[in-house]
Amino acid sequence: MSALFDGLNSACLSTFGEIAMYQCDVLPAEPFAVTVIRCAPSQFGDITPGRYLGLWAKYSDFAGPPAKGESVALAGETYIVVDIQTDEGGGGVTLTVSKQVT
């Protein structure tokens, strides 16, 4: 990834981002903090409005590749990853997450 994209991504995350706790299905076993920016989900949004959320982050901030079924805690809510779209050239990843119903 170019230094230009890395700088732009970091500036956007420091300005608009919020901390989420990401739980992998594999190592590391403990949740880790990742800065995300809320965005519209690329799909699913029209199916059940309010249930799906898009989260954009730097791909390099993850300990390993994010995977469907992993969980994200954000602002007191728990979400499950249902879709992953990477931005190969820009170094970002958009996770579509579904609010976990308890």
PDB file of N, CA and C in Angstrom:
ATOM      1  N   MET A   1       0.845  -1.167   0.000  1.00  0.00           N
ATOM      2  CA  MET A   1       0.000   0.000   0.000  1.00  0.00           C
ATOM      3  C   MET A   1       0.894   1.235   0.000  1.00  0.00           C
ATOM      4  N   SER A   2       0.491   2.222  -0.702  1.00  0.00           N
ATOM      5  CA  SER A   2       1.320   3.420  -0.787  1.00  0.00           C
ATOM      6  C   SER A   2       1.224   4.248   0.495  1.00  0.00           C
ATOM      7  N   ALA A   3       2.241   5.020   0.741  1.00  0.00           N
ATOM      8  CA  ALA A   3       2.273   5.888   1.914  1.00  0.00           C
ATOM      9  C   ALA A   3       1.152   6.932   1.851  1.00  0.00           C
ATOM     10  N   LEU A   4       0.787   7.340   0.633  1.00  0.00           N
ATOM     11  CA  LEU A   4      -0.291   8.317   0.470  1.00  0.00           C
ATOM     12  C   LEU A   4      -1.610   7.763   0.995  1.00  0.00           C
ATOM     13  N   PHE A   5      -1.973   6.532   0.585  1.00  0.00           N
ATOM     14  CA  PHE A   5      -3.210   5.919   1.072  1.00  0.00           C
ATOM     15  C   PHE A   5      -3.146   5.681   2.575  1.00  0.00           C
ATOM     16  N   ASP A   6      -2.011   5.236   3.069  1.00  0.00           N
ATOM     17  CA  ASP A   6      -1.877   4.974   4.497  1.00  0.00           C
ATOM     18  C   ASP A   6      -2.087   6.252   5.297  1.00  0.00           C
ATOM     19  N   GLY A   7      -1.516   7.354   4.840  1.00  0.00           N
ATOM     20  CA  GLY A   7      -1.693   8.634   5.519  1.00  0.00           C
ATOM     21  C   GLY A   7      -3.129   9.116   5.471  1.00  0.00           C
ATOM     22  N   LEU A   8      -3.767   8.975   4.326  1.00  0.00           N
ATOM     23  CA  LEU A   8      -5.163   9.378   4.181  1.00  0.00           C
ATOM     24  C   LEU A   8      -6.058   8.526   5.068  1.00  0.00           C
ATOM     25  N   ASN A   9      -5.849   7.213   5.061  1.00  0.00           N
ATOM     26  CA  ASN A   9      -6.652   6.317   5.898  1.00  0.00           C
ATOM     27  C   ASN A   9      -6.493   6.664   7.373  1.00  0.00           C
ATOM     28  N   SER A  10      -5.274   6.902   7.801  1.00  0.00           N
ATOM     29  CA  SER A  10      -5.020   7.232   9.201  1.00  0.00           C
ATOM     30  C   SER A  10      -5.674   8.553   9.589  1.00  0.00           C
ATOM     31  N   ALA A  11      -5.618   9.549   8.709  1.00  0.00           N
ATOM     32  CA  ALA A  11      -6.242  10.845   8.984  1.00  0.00           C
ATOM     33  C   ALA A  11      -7.755  10.710   9.104  1.00  0.00           C
ATOM     34  N   CYS A  12      -8.368   9.943   8.215  1.00  0.00           N
ATOM     35  CA  CYS A  12      -9.825   9.735   8.276  1.00  0.00           C
ATOM     36  C   CYS A  12     -10.220   9.013   9.558  1.00  0.00           C
ATOM     37  N   LEU A  13      -9.460   7.983   9.922  1.00  0.00           N
ATOM     38  CA  LEU A  13      -9.778   7.227  11.135  1.00  0.00           C
ATOM     39  C   LEU A  13      -9.597   8.080  12.386  1.00  0.00           C
ATOM     40  N   SER A  14      -8.571   8.921  12.431  1.00  0.00           N
ATOM     41  CA  SER A  14      -8.372   9.750  13.616  1.00  0.00           C
ATOM     42  C   SER A  14      -9.431  10.848  13.729  1.00  0.00           C
ATOM     43  N   THR A  15      -9.997  11.263  12.604  1.00  0.00           N
ATOM     44  CA  THR A  15     -11.016  12.309  12.607  1.00  0.00           C
ATOM     45  C   THR A  15     -12.421  11.754  12.836  1.00  0.00           C
ATOM     46  N   PHE A  16     -12.782  10.677  12.138  1.00  0.00           N
ATOM     47  CA  PHE A  16     -14.155  10.174  12.146  1.00  0.00           C
ATOM     48  C   PHE A  16     -14.322   8.829  12.862  1.00  0.00           C
ATOM     49  N   GLY A  17     -13.228   8.212  13.263  1.00  0.00           N
ATOM     50  CA  GLY A  17     -13.291   6.851  13.776  1.00  0.00           C
ATOM     51  C   GLY A  17     -13.734   6.740  15.221  1.00  0.00           C
ATOM     52  N   GLU A  18     -14.135   5.533  15.564  1.00  0.00           N
ATOM     53  CA  GLU A  18     -14.448   5.188  16.942  1.00  0.00           C
ATOM     54  C   GLU A  18     -13.892   3.792  17.211  1.00  0.00           C
ATOM     55  N   ILE A  19     -13.627   3.524  18.462  1.00  0.00           N
ATOM     56  CA  ILE A  19     -13.000   2.263  18.837  1.00  0.00           C
ATOM     57  C   ILE A  19     -14.051   1.158  18.950  1.00  0.00           C
ATOM     58  N   ALA A  20     -13.757   0.037  18.330  1.00  0.00           N
ATOM     59  CA  ALA A  20     -14.584  -1.164  18.445  1.00  0.00           C
ATOM     60  C   ALA A  20     -13.686  -2.284  18.964  1.00  0.00           C
ATOM     61  N   MET A  21     -14.280  -3.253  19.596  1.00  0.00           N
ATOM     62  CA  MET A  21     -13.540  -4.423  20.062  1.00  0.00           C
ATOM     63  C   MET A  21     -13.874  -5.574  19.121  1.00  0.00           C
ATOM     64  N   TYR A  22     -12.845  -6.125  18.502  1.00  0.00           N
ATOM     65  CA  TYR A  22     -13.019  -7.175  17.500  1.00  0.00           C
ATOM     66  C   TYR A  22     -12.602  -8.514  18.089  1.00  0.00           C
ATOM     67  N   GLN A  23     -13.446  -9.517  17.919  1.00  0.00           N
ATOM     68  CA  GLN A  23     -13.166 -10.857  18.428  1.00  0.00           C
ATOM     69  C   GLN A  23     -12.996 -11.819  17.264  1.00  0.00           C
ATOM     70  N   CYS A  24     -11.768 -12.327  17.098  1.00  0.00           N
ATOM     71  CA  CYS A  24     -11.478 -13.318  16.063  1.00  0.00           C
ATOM     72  C   CYS A  24     -11.941 -14.699  16.505  1.00  0.00           C
ATOM     73  N   ASP A  25     -12.203 -15.553  15.549  1.00  0.00           N
ATOM     74  CA  ASP A  25     -12.491 -16.954  15.844  1.00  0.00           C
ATOM     75  C   ASP A  25     -11.210 -17.727  16.114  1.00  0.00           C
ATOM     76  N   VAL A  26     -10.091 -17.196  15.630  1.00  0.00           N
ATOM     77  CA  VAL A  26      -8.779 -17.814  15.850  1.00  0.00           C
ATOM     78  C   VAL A  26      -7.918 -16.816  16.620  1.00  0.00           C
ATOM     79  N   LEU A  27      -6.632 -17.073  16.714  1.00  0.00           N
ATOM     80  CA  LEU A  27      -5.755 -16.183  17.485  1.00  0.00           C
ATOM     81  C   LEU A  27      -5.788 -14.755  16.954  1.00  0.00           C
ATOM     82  N   PRO A  28      -5.691 -13.715  17.760  1.00  0.00           N
ATOM     83  CA  PRO A  28      -5.569 -13.791  19.206  1.00  0.00           C
ATOM     84  C   PRO A  28      -6.903 -14.136  19.860  1.00  0.00           C
ATOM     85  N   ALA A  29      -6.850 -14.843  20.965  1.00  0.00           N
ATOM     86  CA  ALA A  29      -8.069 -15.298  21.639  1.00  0.00           C
ATOM     87  C   ALA A  29      -8.804 -14.146  22.309  1.00  0.00           C
ATOM     88  N   GLU A  30      -8.087 -13.115  22.713  1.00  0.00           N
ATOM     89  CA  GLU A  30      -8.700 -11.963  23.369  1.00  0.00           C
ATOM     90  C   GLU A  30      -9.155 -10.944  22.325  1.00  0.00           C
ATOM     91  N   PRO A  31     -10.278 -10.271  22.583  1.00  0.00           N
ATOM     92  CA  PRO A  31     -10.695  -9.191  21.673  1.00  0.00           C
ATOM     93  C   PRO A  31      -9.608  -8.112  21.615  1.00  0.00           C
ATOM     94  N   PHE A  32      -9.513  -7.444  20.479  1.00  0.00           N
ATOM     95  CA  PHE A  32      -8.545  -6.349  20.352  1.00  0.00           C
ATOM     96  C   PHE A  32      -9.262  -5.127  19.790  1.00  0.00           C
ATOM     97  N   ALA A  33      -8.717  -3.963  20.106  1.00  0.00           N
ATOM     98  CA  ALA A  33      -9.303  -2.703  19.669  1.00  0.00           C
ATOM     99  C   ALA A  33      -8.931  -2.421  18.224  1.00  0.00           C
ATOM    100  N   VAL A  34      -9.905  -1.961  17.471  1.00  0.00           N
ATOM    101  CA  VAL A  34      -9.688  -1.529  16.096  1.00  0.00           C
ATOM    102  C   VAL A  34     -10.528  -0.269  15.886  1.00  0.00           C
ATOM    103  N   THR A  35      -9.957   0.715  15.222  1.00  0.00           N
ATOM    104  CA  THR A  35     -10.689   1.950  14.940  1.00  0.00           C
ATOM    105  C   THR A  35     -11.483   1.761  13.659  1.00  0.00           C
ATOM    106  N   VAL A  36     -12.783   2.109  13.717  1.00  0.00           N
ATOM    107  CA  VAL A  36     -13.687   1.924  12.573  1.00  0.00           C
ATOM    108  C   VAL A  36     -14.440   3.217  12.288  1.00  0.00           C
ATOM    109  N   ILE A  37     -14.911   3.331  11.065  1.00  0.00           N
ATOM    110  CA  ILE A  37     -15.804   4.420  10.672  1.00  0.00           C
ATOM    111  C   ILE A  37     -17.105   3.768  10.216  1.00  0.00           C
ATOM    112  N   ARG A  38     -18.202   4.199  10.793  1.00  0.00           N
ATOM    113  CA  ARG A  38     -19.517   3.675  10.387  1.00  0.00           C
ATOM    114  C   ARG A  38     -19.833   4.162   8.979  1.00  0.00           C
ATOM    115  N   CYS A  39     -20.391   3.273   8.186  1.00  0.00           N
ATOM    116  CA  CYS A  39     -20.791   3.622   6.823  1.00  0.00           C
ATOM    117  C   CYS A  39     -22.010   2.789   6.453  1.00  0.00           C
ATOM    118  N   ALA A  40     -22.619   3.128   5.337  1.00  0.00           N
ATOM    119  CA  ALA A  40     -23.773   2.362   4.880  1.00  0.00           C
ATOM    120  C   ALA A  40     -23.303   0.986   4.434  1.00  0.00           C
ATOM    121  N   PRO A  41     -24.036  -0.055   4.802  1.00  0.00           N
ATOM    122  CA  PRO A  41     -23.648  -1.390   4.339  1.00  0.00           C
ATOM    123  C   PRO A  41     -23.807  -1.479   2.831  1.00  0.00           C
ATOM    124  N   SER A  42     -22.928  -2.230   2.196  1.00  0.00           N
ATOM    125  CA  SER A  42     -22.967  -2.335   0.739  1.00  0.00           C
ATOM    126  C   SER A  42     -24.164  -3.131   0.253  1.00  0.00           C
ATOM    127  N   GLN A  43     -24.686  -3.961   1.109  1.00  0.00           N
ATOM    128  CA  GLN A  43     -25.879  -4.741   0.785  1.00  0.00           C
ATOM    129  C   GLN A  43     -26.614  -5.014   2.081  1.00  0.00           C
ATOM    130  N   PHE A  44     -27.694  -5.685   2.041  1.00  0.00           N
ATOM    131  CA  PHE A  44     -28.496  -6.074   3.204  1.00  0.00           C
ATOM    132  C   PHE A  44     -29.297  -4.935   3.814  1.00  0.00           C
ATOM    133  N   GLY A  45     -28.923  -3.675   3.588  1.00  0.00           N
ATOM    134  CA  GLY A  45     -29.569  -2.553   4.248  1.00  0.00           C
ATOM    135  C   GLY A  45     -31.054  -2.434   3.974  1.00  0.00           C
ATOM    136  N   ASP A  46     -31.479  -2.791   2.775  1.00  0.00           N
ATOM    137  CA  ASP A  46     -32.892  -2.673   2.440  1.00  0.00           C
ATOM    138  C   ASP A  46     -33.709  -3.852   2.963  1.00  0.00           C
ATOM    139  N   ILE A  47     -33.045  -4.931   3.349  1.00  0.00           N
ATOM    140  CA  ILE A  47     -33.767  -6.114   3.823  1.00  0.00           C
ATOM    141  C   ILE A  47     -34.369  -5.859   5.197  1.00  0.00           C
ATOM    142  N   THR A  48     -33.553  -5.412   6.129  1.00  0.00           N
ATOM    143  CA  THR A  48     -34.001  -5.120   7.482  1.00  0.00           C
ATOM    144  C   THR A  48     -33.329  -3.831   7.933  1.00  0.00           C
ATOM    145  N   PRO A  49     -33.924  -2.672   7.633  1.00  0.00           N
ATOM    146  CA  PRO A  49     -33.287  -1.406   8.003  1.00  0.00           C
ATOM    147  C   PRO A  49     -32.982  -1.355   9.503  1.00  0.00           C
ATOM    148  N   GLY A  50     -31.794  -0.856   9.844  1.00  0.00           N
ATOM    149  CA  GLY A  50     -31.390  -0.731  11.223  1.00  0.00           C
ATOM    150  C   GLY A  50     -30.695  -1.945  11.795  1.00  0.00           C
ATOM    151  N   ARG A  51     -30.780  -3.071  11.129  1.00  0.00           N
ATOM    152  CA  ARG A  51     -30.131  -4.281  11.633  1.00  0.00           C
ATOM    153  C   ARG A  51     -28.699  -4.403  11.135  1.00  0.00           C
ATOM    154  N   TYR A  52     -28.425  -3.884   9.946  1.00  0.00           N
ATOM    155  CA  TYR A  52     -27.099  -4.019   9.341  1.00  0.00           C
ATOM    156  C   TYR A  52     -26.366  -2.693   9.370  1.00  0.00           C
ATOM    157  N   LEU A  53     -25.051  -2.791   9.498  1.00  0.00           N
ATOM    158  CA  LEU A  53     -24.207  -1.616   9.584  1.00  0.00           C
ATOM    159  C   LEU A  53     -22.918  -1.903   8.830  1.00  0.00           C
ATOM    160  N   GLY A  54     -22.384  -0.903   8.175  1.00  0.00           N
ATOM    161  CA  GLY A  54     -21.083  -1.036   7.540  1.00  0.00           C
ATOM    162  C   GLY A  54     -20.021  -0.429   8.446  1.00  0.00           C
ATOM    163  N   LEU A  55     -18.884  -1.098   8.545  1.00  0.00           N
ATOM    164  CA  LEU A  55     -17.759  -0.597   9.331  1.00  0.00           C
ATOM    165  C   LEU A  55     -16.514  -0.627   8.454  1.00  0.00           C
ATOM    166  N   TRP A  56     -15.887   0.527   8.280  1.00  0.00           N
ATOM    167  CA  TRP A  56     -14.670   0.601   7.467  1.00  0.00           C
ATOM    168  C   TRP A  56     -13.477   0.713   8.406  1.00  0.00           C
ATOM    169  N   ALA A  57     -12.392   0.011   8.084  1.00  0.00           N
ATOM    170  CA  ALA A  57     -11.168   0.047   8.890  1.00  0.00           C
ATOM    171  C   ALA A  57      -9.967  -0.186   7.984  1.00  0.00           C
ATOM    172  N   LYS A  58      -8.781   0.043   8.531  1.00  0.00           N
ATOM    173  CA  LYS A  58      -7.560  -0.317   7.813  1.00  0.00           C
ATOM    174  C   LYS A  58      -7.369  -1.824   7.933  1.00  0.00           C
ATOM    175  N   TYR A  59      -7.136  -2.464   6.818  1.00  0.00           N
ATOM    176  CA  TYR A  59      -6.954  -3.920   6.804  1.00  0.00           C
ATOM    177  C   TYR A  59      -5.770  -4.329   7.683  1.00  0.00           C
ATOM    178  N   SER A  60      -4.742  -3.509   7.711  1.00  0.00           N
ATOM    179  CA  SER A  60      -3.535  -3.839   8.472  1.00  0.00           C
ATOM    180  C   SER A  60      -3.749  -3.770   9.989  1.00  0.00           C
ATOM    181  N   ASP A  61      -4.862  -3.204  10.440  1.00  0.00           N
ATOM    182  CA  ASP A  61      -5.146  -3.121  11.871  1.00  0.00           C
ATOM    183  C   ASP A  61      -5.649  -4.442  12.453  1.00  0.00           C
ATOM    184  N   PHE A  62      -5.936  -5.414  11.602  1.00  0.00           N
ATOM    185  CA  PHE A  62      -6.423  -6.711  12.064  1.00  0.00           C
ATOM    186  C   PHE A  62      -5.252  -7.666  12.247  1.00  0.00           C
ATOM    187  N   ALA A  63      -5.359  -8.508  13.256  1.00  0.00           N
ATOM    188  CA  ALA A  63      -4.302  -9.484  13.546  1.00  0.00           C
ATOM    189  C   ALA A  63      -4.190 -10.522  12.426  1.00  0.00           C
ATOM    190  N   GLY A  64      -5.276 -10.800  11.769  1.00  0.00           N
ATOM    191  CA  GLY A  64      -5.344 -11.723  10.647  1.00  0.00           C
ATOM    192  C   GLY A  64      -6.530 -11.319   9.799  1.00  0.00           C
ATOM    193  N   PRO A  65      -6.765 -11.988   8.696  1.00  0.00           N
ATOM    194  CA  PRO A  65      -7.893 -11.619   7.851  1.00  0.00           C
ATOM    195  C   PRO A  65      -9.223 -11.724   8.606  1.00  0.00           C
ATOM    196  N   PRO A  66     -10.053 -10.672   8.580  1.00  0.00           N
ATOM    197  CA  PRO A  66     -11.362 -10.782   9.208  1.00  0.00           C
ATOM    198  C   PRO A  66     -12.177 -11.878   8.518  1.00  0.00           C
ATOM    199  N   ALA A  67     -13.066 -12.518   9.272  1.00  0.00           N
ATOM    200  CA  ALA A  67     -13.846 -13.623   8.725  1.00  0.00           C
ATOM    201  C   ALA A  67     -15.319 -13.495   9.109  1.00  0.00           C
ATOM    202  N   LYS A  68     -16.170 -14.010   8.253  1.00  0.00           N
ATOM    203  CA  LYS A  68     -17.603 -14.047   8.554  1.00  0.00           C
ATOM    204  C   LYS A  68     -17.817 -14.832   9.845  1.00  0.00           C
ATOM    205  N   GLY A  69     -18.765 -14.363  10.644  1.00  0.00           N
ATOM    206  CA  GLY A  69     -19.098 -15.029  11.888  1.00  0.00           C
ATOM    207  C   GLY A  69     -18.365 -14.480  13.102  1.00  0.00           C
ATOM    208  N   GLU A  70     -17.309 -13.682  12.882  1.00  0.00           N
ATOM    209  CA  GLU A  70     -16.606 -13.086  14.006  1.00  0.00           C
ATOM    210  C   GLU A  70     -17.449 -11.930  14.557  1.00  0.00           C
ATOM    211  N   SER A  71     -17.125 -11.478  15.765  1.00  0.00           N
ATOM    212  CA  SER A  71     -17.976 -10.471  16.391  1.00  0.00           C
ATOM    213  C   SER A  71     -17.240  -9.147  16.607  1.00  0.00           C
ATOM    214  N   VAL A  72     -18.052  -8.091  16.658  1.00  0.00           N
ATOM    215  CA  VAL A  72     -17.574  -6.730  16.867  1.00  0.00           C
ATOM    216  C   VAL A  72     -18.463  -6.088  17.925  1.00  0.00           C
ATOM    217  N   ALA A  73     -17.860  -5.536  18.962  1.00  0.00           N
ATOM    218  CA  ALA A  73     -18.602  -4.787  19.972  1.00  0.00           C
ATOM    219  C   ALA A  73     -18.351  -3.307  19.723  1.00  0.00           C
ATOM    220  N   LEU A  74     -19.442  -2.556  19.588  1.00  0.00           N
ATOM    221  CA  LEU A  74     -19.348  -1.135  19.268  1.00  0.00           C
ATOM    222  C   LEU A  74     -20.472  -0.395  19.982  1.00  0.00           C
ATOM    223  N   ALA A  75     -20.107   0.564  20.804  1.00  0.00           N
ATOM    224  CA  ALA A  75     -21.075   1.416  21.497  1.00  0.00           C
ATOM    225  C   ALA A  75     -22.141   0.605  22.234  1.00  0.00           C
ATOM    226  N   GLY A  76     -21.714  -0.425  22.929  1.00  0.00           N
ATOM    227  CA  GLY A  76     -22.637  -1.211  23.741  1.00  0.00           C
ATOM    228  C   GLY A  76     -23.458  -2.243  22.999  1.00  0.00           C
ATOM    229  N   GLU A  77     -23.248  -2.373  21.705  1.00  0.00           N
ATOM    230  CA  GLU A  77     -23.974  -3.362  20.895  1.00  0.00           C
ATOM    231  C   GLU A  77     -22.986  -4.385  20.360  1.00  0.00           C
ATOM    232  N   THR A  78     -23.456  -5.608  20.169  1.00  0.00           N
ATOM    233  CA  THR A  78     -22.625  -6.650  19.581  1.00  0.00           C
ATOM    234  C   THR A  78     -23.146  -6.972  18.195  1.00  0.00           C
ATOM    235  N   TYR A  79     -22.225  -7.058  17.248  1.00  0.00           N
ATOM    236  CA  TYR A  79     -22.548  -7.333  15.849  1.00  0.00           C
ATOM    237  C   TYR A  79     -21.766  -8.557  15.384  1.00  0.00           C
ATOM    238  N   ILE A  80     -22.312  -9.236  14.390  1.00  0.00           N
ATOM    239  CA  ILE A  80     -21.656 -10.387  13.777  1.00  0.00           C
ATOM    240  C   ILE A  80     -21.295 -10.019  12.334  1.00  0.00           C
ATOM    241  N   VAL A  81     -20.084 -10.343  11.904  1.00  0.00           N
ATOM    242  CA  VAL A  81     -19.633 -10.052  10.540  1.00  0.00           C
ATOM    243  C   VAL A  81     -20.366 -10.982   9.569  1.00  0.00           C
ATOM    244  N   VAL A  82     -21.050 -10.384   8.578  1.00  0.00           N
ATOM    245  CA  VAL A  82     -21.780 -11.175   7.582  1.00  0.00           C
ATOM    246  C   VAL A  82     -21.219 -11.016   6.172  1.00  0.00           C
ATOM    247  N   ASP A  83     -20.387  -9.987   5.948  1.00  0.00           N
ATOM    248  CA  ASP A  83     -19.804  -9.784   4.624  1.00  0.00           C
ATOM    249  C   ASP A  83     -18.526  -8.964   4.782  1.00  0.00           C
ATOM    250  N   ILE A  84     -17.559  -9.236   3.923  1.00  0.00           N
ATOM    251  CA  ILE A  84     -16.265  -8.552   3.972  1.00  0.00           C
ATOM    252  C   ILE A  84     -15.880  -8.123   2.564  1.00  0.00           C
ATOM    253  N   GLN A  85     -15.537  -6.853   2.406  1.00  0.00           N
ATOM    254  CA  GLN A  85     -15.067  -6.352   1.121  1.00  0.00           C
ATOM    255  C   GLN A  85     -13.754  -5.611   1.346  1.00  0.00           C
ATOM    256  N   THR A  86     -12.705  -6.085   0.703  1.00  0.00           N
ATOM    257  CA  THR A  86     -11.403  -5.437   0.848  1.00  0.00           C
ATOM    258  C   THR A  86     -11.164  -4.467  -0.298  1.00  0.00           C
ATOM    259  N   ASP A  87     -10.397  -3.446  -0.002  1.00  0.00           N
ATOM    260  CA  ASP A  87      -9.959  -2.462  -0.986  1.00  0.00           C
ATOM    261  C   ASP A  87      -8.483  -2.742  -1.206  1.00  0.00           C
ATOM    262  N   GLU A  88      -8.190  -3.626  -2.137  1.00  0.00           N
ATOM    263  CA  GLU A  88      -6.821  -4.108  -2.358  1.00  0.00           C
ATOM    264  C   GLU A  88      -5.820  -2.969  -2.527  1.00  0.00           C
ATOM    265  N   GLY A  89      -6.128  -1.985  -3.325  1.00  0.00           N
ATOM    266  CA  GLY A  89      -5.179  -0.916  -3.601  1.00  0.00           C
ATOM    267  C   GLY A  89      -5.108   0.147  -2.523  1.00  0.00           C
ATOM    268  N   GLY A  90      -6.208   0.315  -1.770  1.00  0.00           N
ATOM    269  CA  GLY A  90      -6.261   1.394  -0.792  1.00  0.00           C
ATOM    270  C   GLY A  90      -5.975   0.980   0.629  1.00  0.00           C
ATOM    271  N   GLY A  91      -5.902  -0.314   0.895  1.00  0.00           N
ATOM    272  CA  GLY A  91      -5.559  -0.781   2.233  1.00  0.00           C
ATOM    273  C   GLY A  91      -6.696  -0.819   3.222  1.00  0.00           C
ATOM    274  N   GLY A  92      -7.932  -0.680   2.743  1.00  0.00           N
ATOM    275  CA  GLY A  92      -9.080  -0.688   3.643  1.00  0.00           C
ATOM    276  C   GLY A  92      -9.894  -1.963   3.545  1.00  0.00           C
ATOM    277  N   VAL A  93     -10.784  -2.123   4.493  1.00  0.00           N
ATOM    278  CA  VAL A  93     -11.723  -3.234   4.490  1.00  0.00           C
ATOM    279  C   VAL A  93     -13.057  -2.713   5.029  1.00  0.00           C
ATOM    280  N   THR A  94     -14.140  -3.108   4.367  1.00  0.00           N
ATOM    281  CA  THR A  94     -15.475  -2.777   4.840  1.00  0.00           C
ATOM    282  C   THR A  94     -16.138  -4.051   5.314  1.00  0.00           C
ATOM    283  N   LEU A  95     -16.539  -4.048   6.568  1.00  0.00           N
ATOM    284  CA  LEU A  95     -17.250  -5.177   7.145  1.00  0.00           C
ATOM    285  C   LEU A  95     -18.722  -4.830   7.201  1.00  0.00           C
ATOM    286  N   THR A  96     -19.569  -5.679   6.677  1.00  0.00           N
ATOM    287  CA  THR A  96     -21.000  -5.538   6.891  1.00  0.00           C
ATOM    288  C   THR A  96     -21.308  -6.414   8.083  1.00  0.00           C
ATOM    289  N   VAL A  97     -21.908  -5.806   9.098  1.00  0.00           N
ATOM    290  CA  VAL A  97     -22.197  -6.508  10.343  1.00  0.00           C
ATOM    291  C   VAL A  97     -23.689  -6.467  10.629  1.00  0.00           C
ATOM    292  N   SER A  98     -24.153  -7.491  11.314  1.00  0.00           N
ATOM    293  CA  SER A  98     -25.561  -7.614  11.679  1.00  0.00           C
ATOM    294  C   SER A  98     -25.678  -7.542  13.191  1.00  0.00           C
ATOM    295  N   LYS A  99     -26.620  -6.740  13.670  1.00  0.00           N
ATOM    296  CA  LYS A  99     -26.816  -6.604  15.107  1.00  0.00           C
ATOM    297  C   LYS A  99     -27.230  -7.953  15.676  1.00  0.00           C
ATOM    298  N   GLN A 100     -26.529  -8.369  16.717  1.00  0.00           N
ATOM    299  CA  GLN A 100     -26.844  -9.645  17.351  1.00  0.00           C
ATOM    300  C   GLN A 100     -28.081  -9.478  18.205  1.00  0.00           C
ATOM    301  N   VAL A 101     -29.056 -10.314  17.969  1.00  0.00           N
ATOM    302  CA  VAL A 101     -30.311 -10.259  18.713  1.00  0.00           C
ATOM    303  C   VAL A 101     -30.199 -11.224  19.871  1.00  0.00           C
ATOM    304  N   THR A 102     -30.487 -10.718  21.077  1.00  0.00           N
ATOM    305  CA  THR A 102     -30.401 -11.583  22.259  1.00  0.00           C
ATOM    306  C   THR A 102     -31.754 -11.927  22.793  1.00  0.00           C
TER     307      THR A 102
END
